[in-house]
Amino acid sequence: MEIDKKNSTVLIPEQQPNWQGRPEWFFNREHTDTYELWYEGRYKRAEVWQKKVMEQLVSKDKRVKTLLEFGCGTTRFTRWWKEIGIEATGGDISPLMLSQAIHLFEGDLVMADSHHMPFKDNTFDALAFITTFEYYKDPVKVIREAARVAKHGIAMGMMNRNSPKVARRRVQQLFGKNPFYVTATFYTPKMLTKIIDEALQGRDYTIEWSCTGLPKWFPVQQWSVPIGDFFGLYVQLNDLE
């Protein structure tokens, strides 16, 4: 793995509680220390279906053997990519998250800002954002960086705006509960596709997406309707061999 030194200084100081000019939950140890426990508890079933969706989307692109996951956090997903035959590297802006990741993940990790990825062009086959893209104030710039660093594709998994849980989260925030989505921007597949089209003007690419995060009693758990708590999207870049 070769790091582009000219961008490697764009890091956030460990003592800095803000990012992009605003406080973020992932610089608060009260929340980061319990992150893994959350996945092992009531979020476990959701994680299983999220991984199924992402595997289906990314595995179709047989060119993808290496992947950089930005916003990797404690490497919950980053550790999983090897199960589907992909060698992963993790990147995150939070030293609190990465301080846990180094004990959980055997691969390479980097602390950096996704708006300024410290890697040379086409370093990885693909780049992934799993429940992190919602926090970027300049999503167009982040996608362009991803398309620069990744040669073949960009994988995105995120909370869906078309979900009743979004309204519930906003109500919880009004009462000082659920701090995890205060600064998040929720997208639909259509909204995200529009941003991708703006970011990748002039590039040859195709987009595929699928939704999950449906109630347990619902007859299907994944579909191509833009409704559900989570959707996965894959941008396949077709203009590089």
Protein backbone atom coordinates (compact mmCIF):
# COMPACT_ATOMS: atom_id res chain seq x y z
CA MET A 1 0.00 0.00 0.00
CA GLU A 2 1.53 3.31 -1.11
CA ILE A 3 0.47 6.50 0.66
CA ASP A 4 0.40 9.83 -1.16
CA LYS A 5 2.50 11.99 1.18
CA LYS A 6 1.24 15.31 -0.14
CA ASN A 7 -2.20 14.66 1.39
CA SER A 8 -1.14 12.75 4.48
CA THR A 9 -1.00 15.86 6.70
CA VAL A 10 -4.75 16.50 6.40
CA LEU A 11 -5.57 14.87 9.74
CA ILE A 12 -7.64 15.94 12.69
CA PRO A 13 -5.83 16.42 16.02
CA GLU A 14 -6.66 13.76 18.58
CA GLN A 15 -7.90 16.39 21.03
CA GLN A 16 -10.23 18.02 18.50
CA PRO A 17 -13.91 17.20 19.30
CA ASN A 18 -15.27 18.77 16.11
CA TRP A 19 -15.07 17.96 12.42
CA GLN A 20 -16.33 20.02 9.49
CA GLY A 21 -17.01 22.82 11.98
CA ARG A 22 -19.46 20.88 14.14
CA PRO A 23 -19.39 18.39 17.04
CA GLU A 24 -19.69 14.73 16.05
CA TRP A 25 -20.64 11.71 18.17
CA PHE A 26 -17.64 9.72 16.94
CA PHE A 27 -15.32 12.08 18.84
CA ASN A 28 -17.20 11.36 22.07
CA ARG A 29 -15.82 8.41 23.98
CA GLU A 30 -19.13 7.86 25.71
CA HIS A 31 -20.51 6.71 22.36
CA THR A 32 -17.47 5.18 20.64
CA ASP A 33 -16.64 2.81 23.50
CA THR A 34 -20.03 1.08 23.16
CA TYR A 35 -20.16 1.00 19.36
CA GLU A 36 -19.31 -2.69 18.99
CA LEU A 37 -21.80 -3.68 21.70
CA TRP A 38 -24.58 -1.98 19.75
CA TYR A 39 -23.96 -4.27 16.76
CA GLU A 40 -23.91 -7.33 18.99
CA GLY A 41 -27.28 -6.39 20.47
CA ARG A 42 -30.49 -5.20 18.85
CA TYR A 43 -28.74 -4.22 15.61
CA LYS A 44 -27.47 -7.74 14.88
CA ARG A 45 -30.29 -8.80 12.56
CA ALA A 46 -30.03 -5.56 10.57
CA GLU A 47 -26.30 -6.08 10.10
CA VAL A 48 -26.84 -9.56 8.63
CA TRP A 49 -29.14 -8.21 5.92
CA GLN A 50 -26.95 -5.20 5.24
CA LYS A 51 -24.01 -7.49 4.56
CA LYS A 52 -26.12 -9.67 2.26
CA VAL A 53 -27.07 -6.62 0.20
CA MET A 54 -23.50 -5.30 -0.02
CA GLU A 55 -22.12 -8.72 -0.95
CA GLN A 56 -24.62 -9.12 -3.79
CA LEU A 57 -23.80 -5.70 -5.21
CA VAL A 58 -20.01 -5.76 -4.92
CA SER A 59 -19.44 -9.42 -5.80
CA LYS A 60 -20.94 -8.88 -9.24
CA ASP A 61 -17.88 -6.82 -10.15
CA LYS A 62 -15.28 -9.57 -10.51
CA ARG A 63 -12.49 -7.01 -10.91
CA VAL A 64 -12.67 -6.06 -7.22
CA LYS A 65 -9.97 -7.81 -5.18
CA THR A 66 -8.84 -4.91 -2.98
CA LEU A 67 -10.97 -2.32 -1.23
CA LEU A 68 -10.56 0.76 0.94
CA GLU A 69 -13.38 1.36 3.41
CA PHE A 70 -13.54 4.97 4.57
CA GLY A 71 -15.35 5.76 7.78
CA CYS A 72 -14.41 2.26 8.89
CA GLY A 73 -14.96 3.03 12.57
CA THR A 74 -14.04 0.01 14.68
CA THR A 75 -13.79 -2.01 11.40
CA ARG A 76 -17.08 -3.81 11.90
CA PHE A 77 -17.59 -4.14 8.13
CA THR A 78 -13.90 -3.87 7.25
CA ARG A 79 -13.20 -7.17 8.98
CA TRP A 80 -16.01 -8.79 7.01
CA TRP A 81 -14.84 -8.06 3.45
CA LYS A 82 -12.30 -10.90 3.56
CA GLU A 83 -15.19 -13.34 3.97
CA ILE A 84 -16.22 -12.59 0.39
CA GLY A 85 -12.64 -12.68 -0.93
CA ILE A 86 -11.73 -8.98 -0.80
CA GLU A 87 -8.59 -7.61 0.88
CA ALA A 88 -9.64 -4.51 2.82
CA THR A 89 -7.91 -1.45 4.22
CA GLY A 90 -9.64 0.88 6.68
CA GLY A 91 -9.64 4.66 6.97
CA ASP A 92 -11.33 6.90 9.52
CA ILE A 93 -11.15 10.43 10.92
CA SER A 94 -11.80 9.41 14.54
CA PRO A 95 -8.80 8.44 16.68
CA LEU A 96 -11.24 7.01 19.24
CA MET A 97 -12.68 4.59 16.70
CA LEU A 98 -9.26 3.66 15.32
CA SER A 99 -7.88 3.04 18.82
CA GLN A 100 -10.32 0.11 18.97
CA ALA A 101 -9.84 -0.89 15.35
CA ILE A 102 -6.13 -1.59 15.74
CA HIS A 103 -6.98 -4.37 18.22
CA LEU A 104 -9.76 -5.87 16.11
CA PHE A 105 -8.45 -5.66 12.55
CA GLU A 106 -5.33 -7.30 11.13
CA GLY A 107 -5.10 -5.16 7.99
CA ASP A 108 -3.83 -1.66 7.31
CA LEU A 109 -5.48 1.41 8.84
CA VAL A 110 -5.08 5.12 8.18
CA MET A 111 -6.38 8.17 10.02
CA ALA A 112 -7.44 10.71 7.43
CA ASP A 113 -10.26 12.90 6.15
CA SER A 114 -12.31 11.34 3.35
CA HIS A 115 -12.36 14.70 1.55
CA HIS A 116 -8.55 14.41 1.18
CA MET A 117 -7.68 10.73 0.89
CA PRO A 118 -3.91 10.20 1.29
CA PHE A 119 -3.59 7.70 -1.54
CA LYS A 120 -2.41 7.85 -5.13
CA ASP A 121 -4.80 7.46 -8.07
CA ASN A 122 -6.23 3.97 -8.60
CA THR A 123 -4.61 2.55 -5.46
CA PHE A 124 -7.55 0.20 -4.76
CA ASP A 125 -10.00 -1.71 -6.93
CA ALA A 126 -12.97 -0.27 -5.01
CA LEU A 127 -13.85 2.11 -2.24
CA ALA A 128 -16.64 1.61 0.30
CA PHE A 129 -18.65 3.88 2.59
CA ILE A 130 -20.82 1.96 5.08
CA THR A 131 -23.17 4.12 7.19
CA THR A 132 -20.72 7.01 7.03
CA PHE A 133 -21.52 8.92 3.84
CA GLU A 134 -24.45 10.56 5.65
CA TYR A 135 -21.99 12.72 7.61
CA TYR A 136 -20.14 14.42 4.75
CA LYS A 137 -20.84 18.12 4.24
CA ASP A 138 -19.36 18.04 0.72
CA PRO A 139 -20.56 14.69 -0.72
CA VAL A 140 -19.62 15.61 -4.29
CA LYS A 141 -15.99 16.15 -3.30
CA VAL A 142 -15.92 12.86 -1.38
CA ILE A 143 -17.28 10.91 -4.36
CA ARG A 144 -14.71 12.50 -6.66
CA GLU A 145 -11.95 11.51 -4.22
CA ALA A 146 -13.35 7.98 -4.10
CA ALA A 147 -13.41 7.77 -7.90
CA ARG A 148 -9.80 8.97 -7.98
CA VAL A 149 -8.50 6.43 -5.47
CA ALA A 150 -10.69 3.50 -6.60
CA LYS A 151 -10.16 2.03 -10.05
CA HIS A 152 -13.30 -0.01 -10.60
CA GLY A 153 -16.11 0.92 -8.23
CA ILE A 154 -17.62 2.69 -5.24
CA ALA A 155 -19.82 0.80 -2.76
CA MET A 156 -22.20 2.68 -0.49
CA GLY A 157 -24.40 1.41 2.30
CA MET A 158 -26.50 3.87 4.27
CA MET A 159 -29.62 4.68 6.20
CA ASN A 160 -32.54 5.34 3.86
CA ARG A 161 -34.53 8.58 4.01
CA ASN A 162 -37.60 6.56 2.98
CA SER A 163 -37.98 4.91 6.36
CA PRO A 164 -40.35 5.56 9.26
CA LYS A 165 -37.32 5.27 11.54
CA VAL A 166 -36.00 8.58 10.22
CA ALA A 167 -38.97 10.45 11.69
CA ARG A 168 -38.57 8.55 14.96
CA ARG A 169 -34.89 9.49 15.18
CA ARG A 170 -35.66 13.18 14.63
CA VAL A 171 -38.29 13.13 17.38
CA GLN A 172 -35.82 11.45 19.72
CA GLN A 173 -33.30 14.19 19.01
CA LEU A 174 -35.81 16.87 20.00
CA PHE A 175 -35.87 15.29 23.46
CA GLY A 176 -32.09 14.98 23.68
CA LYS A 177 -32.00 11.29 22.77
CA ASN A 178 -30.20 9.40 19.97
CA PRO A 179 -27.20 11.71 19.27
CA PHE A 180 -25.89 9.53 16.45
CA TYR A 181 -27.80 11.18 13.60
CA VAL A 182 -27.90 14.84 14.66
CA THR A 183 -25.51 15.88 11.87
CA ALA A 184 -26.51 13.15 9.40
CA THR A 185 -28.10 13.81 6.03
CA PHE A 186 -30.35 10.96 4.96
CA TYR A 187 -30.62 10.12 1.26
CA THR A 188 -32.87 8.03 -0.94
CA PRO A 189 -31.38 6.02 -3.83
CA LYS A 190 -32.70 8.70 -6.21
CA MET A 191 -31.16 11.56 -4.21
CA LEU A 192 -27.81 9.80 -3.97
CA THR A 193 -27.81 8.97 -7.69
CA LYS A 194 -28.27 12.66 -8.48
CA ILE A 195 -25.21 13.54 -6.40
CA ILE A 196 -23.18 10.78 -8.05
CA ASP A 197 -24.18 12.07 -11.50
CA GLU A 198 -22.93 15.53 -10.55
CA ALA A 199 -19.67 14.22 -9.13
CA LEU A 200 -18.86 11.85 -12.00
CA GLN A 201 -19.68 14.00 -15.01
CA GLY A 202 -17.73 12.73 -18.01
CA ARG A 203 -17.12 9.28 -16.51
CA ASP A 204 -18.57 6.03 -17.85
CA TYR A 205 -20.37 4.23 -15.02
CA THR A 206 -23.45 2.22 -14.09
CA ILE A 207 -25.38 2.21 -10.81
CA GLU A 208 -27.25 -0.60 -9.07
CA TRP A 209 -28.98 -0.48 -5.69
CA SER A 210 -31.12 -2.60 -3.38
CA CYS A 211 -33.06 -1.91 -0.16
CA THR A 212 -33.38 -3.83 3.08
CA GLY A 213 -34.20 -2.95 6.69
CA LEU A 214 -37.84 -4.02 6.42
CA PRO A 215 -39.96 -5.23 9.37
CA LYS A 216 -39.38 -8.82 10.44
CA TRP A 217 -43.00 -9.72 9.67
CA PHE A 218 -42.80 -8.36 6.09
CA PRO A 219 -42.94 -11.09 3.39
CA VAL A 220 -39.60 -9.99 1.85
CA GLN A 221 -36.47 -8.60 3.51
CA GLN A 222 -34.83 -7.13 0.41
CA TRP A 223 -36.22 -5.57 -2.73
CA SER A 224 -35.70 -3.04 -5.53
CA VAL A 225 -38.25 -0.60 -4.12
CA PRO A 226 -36.75 2.54 -2.53
CA ILE A 227 -38.34 1.85 0.86
CA GLY A 228 -36.59 0.34 3.85
CA ASP A 229 -34.29 1.41 6.66
CA PHE A 230 -31.09 0.71 4.67
CA PHE A 231 -30.01 0.64 1.05
CA GLY A 232 -26.84 -0.50 -0.65
CA LEU A 233 -25.62 1.08 -3.89
CA TYR A 234 -22.73 0.19 -6.15
CA VAL A 235 -21.19 2.49 -8.75
CA GLN A 236 -19.35 0.41 -11.35
CA LEU A 237 -16.73 2.47 -13.16
CA ASN A 238 -16.44 1.25 -16.73
CA ASP A 239 -13.82 3.51 -18.25
CA LEU A 240 -10.71 1.86 -16.75
CA GLU A 241 -9.49 -1.66 -17.47
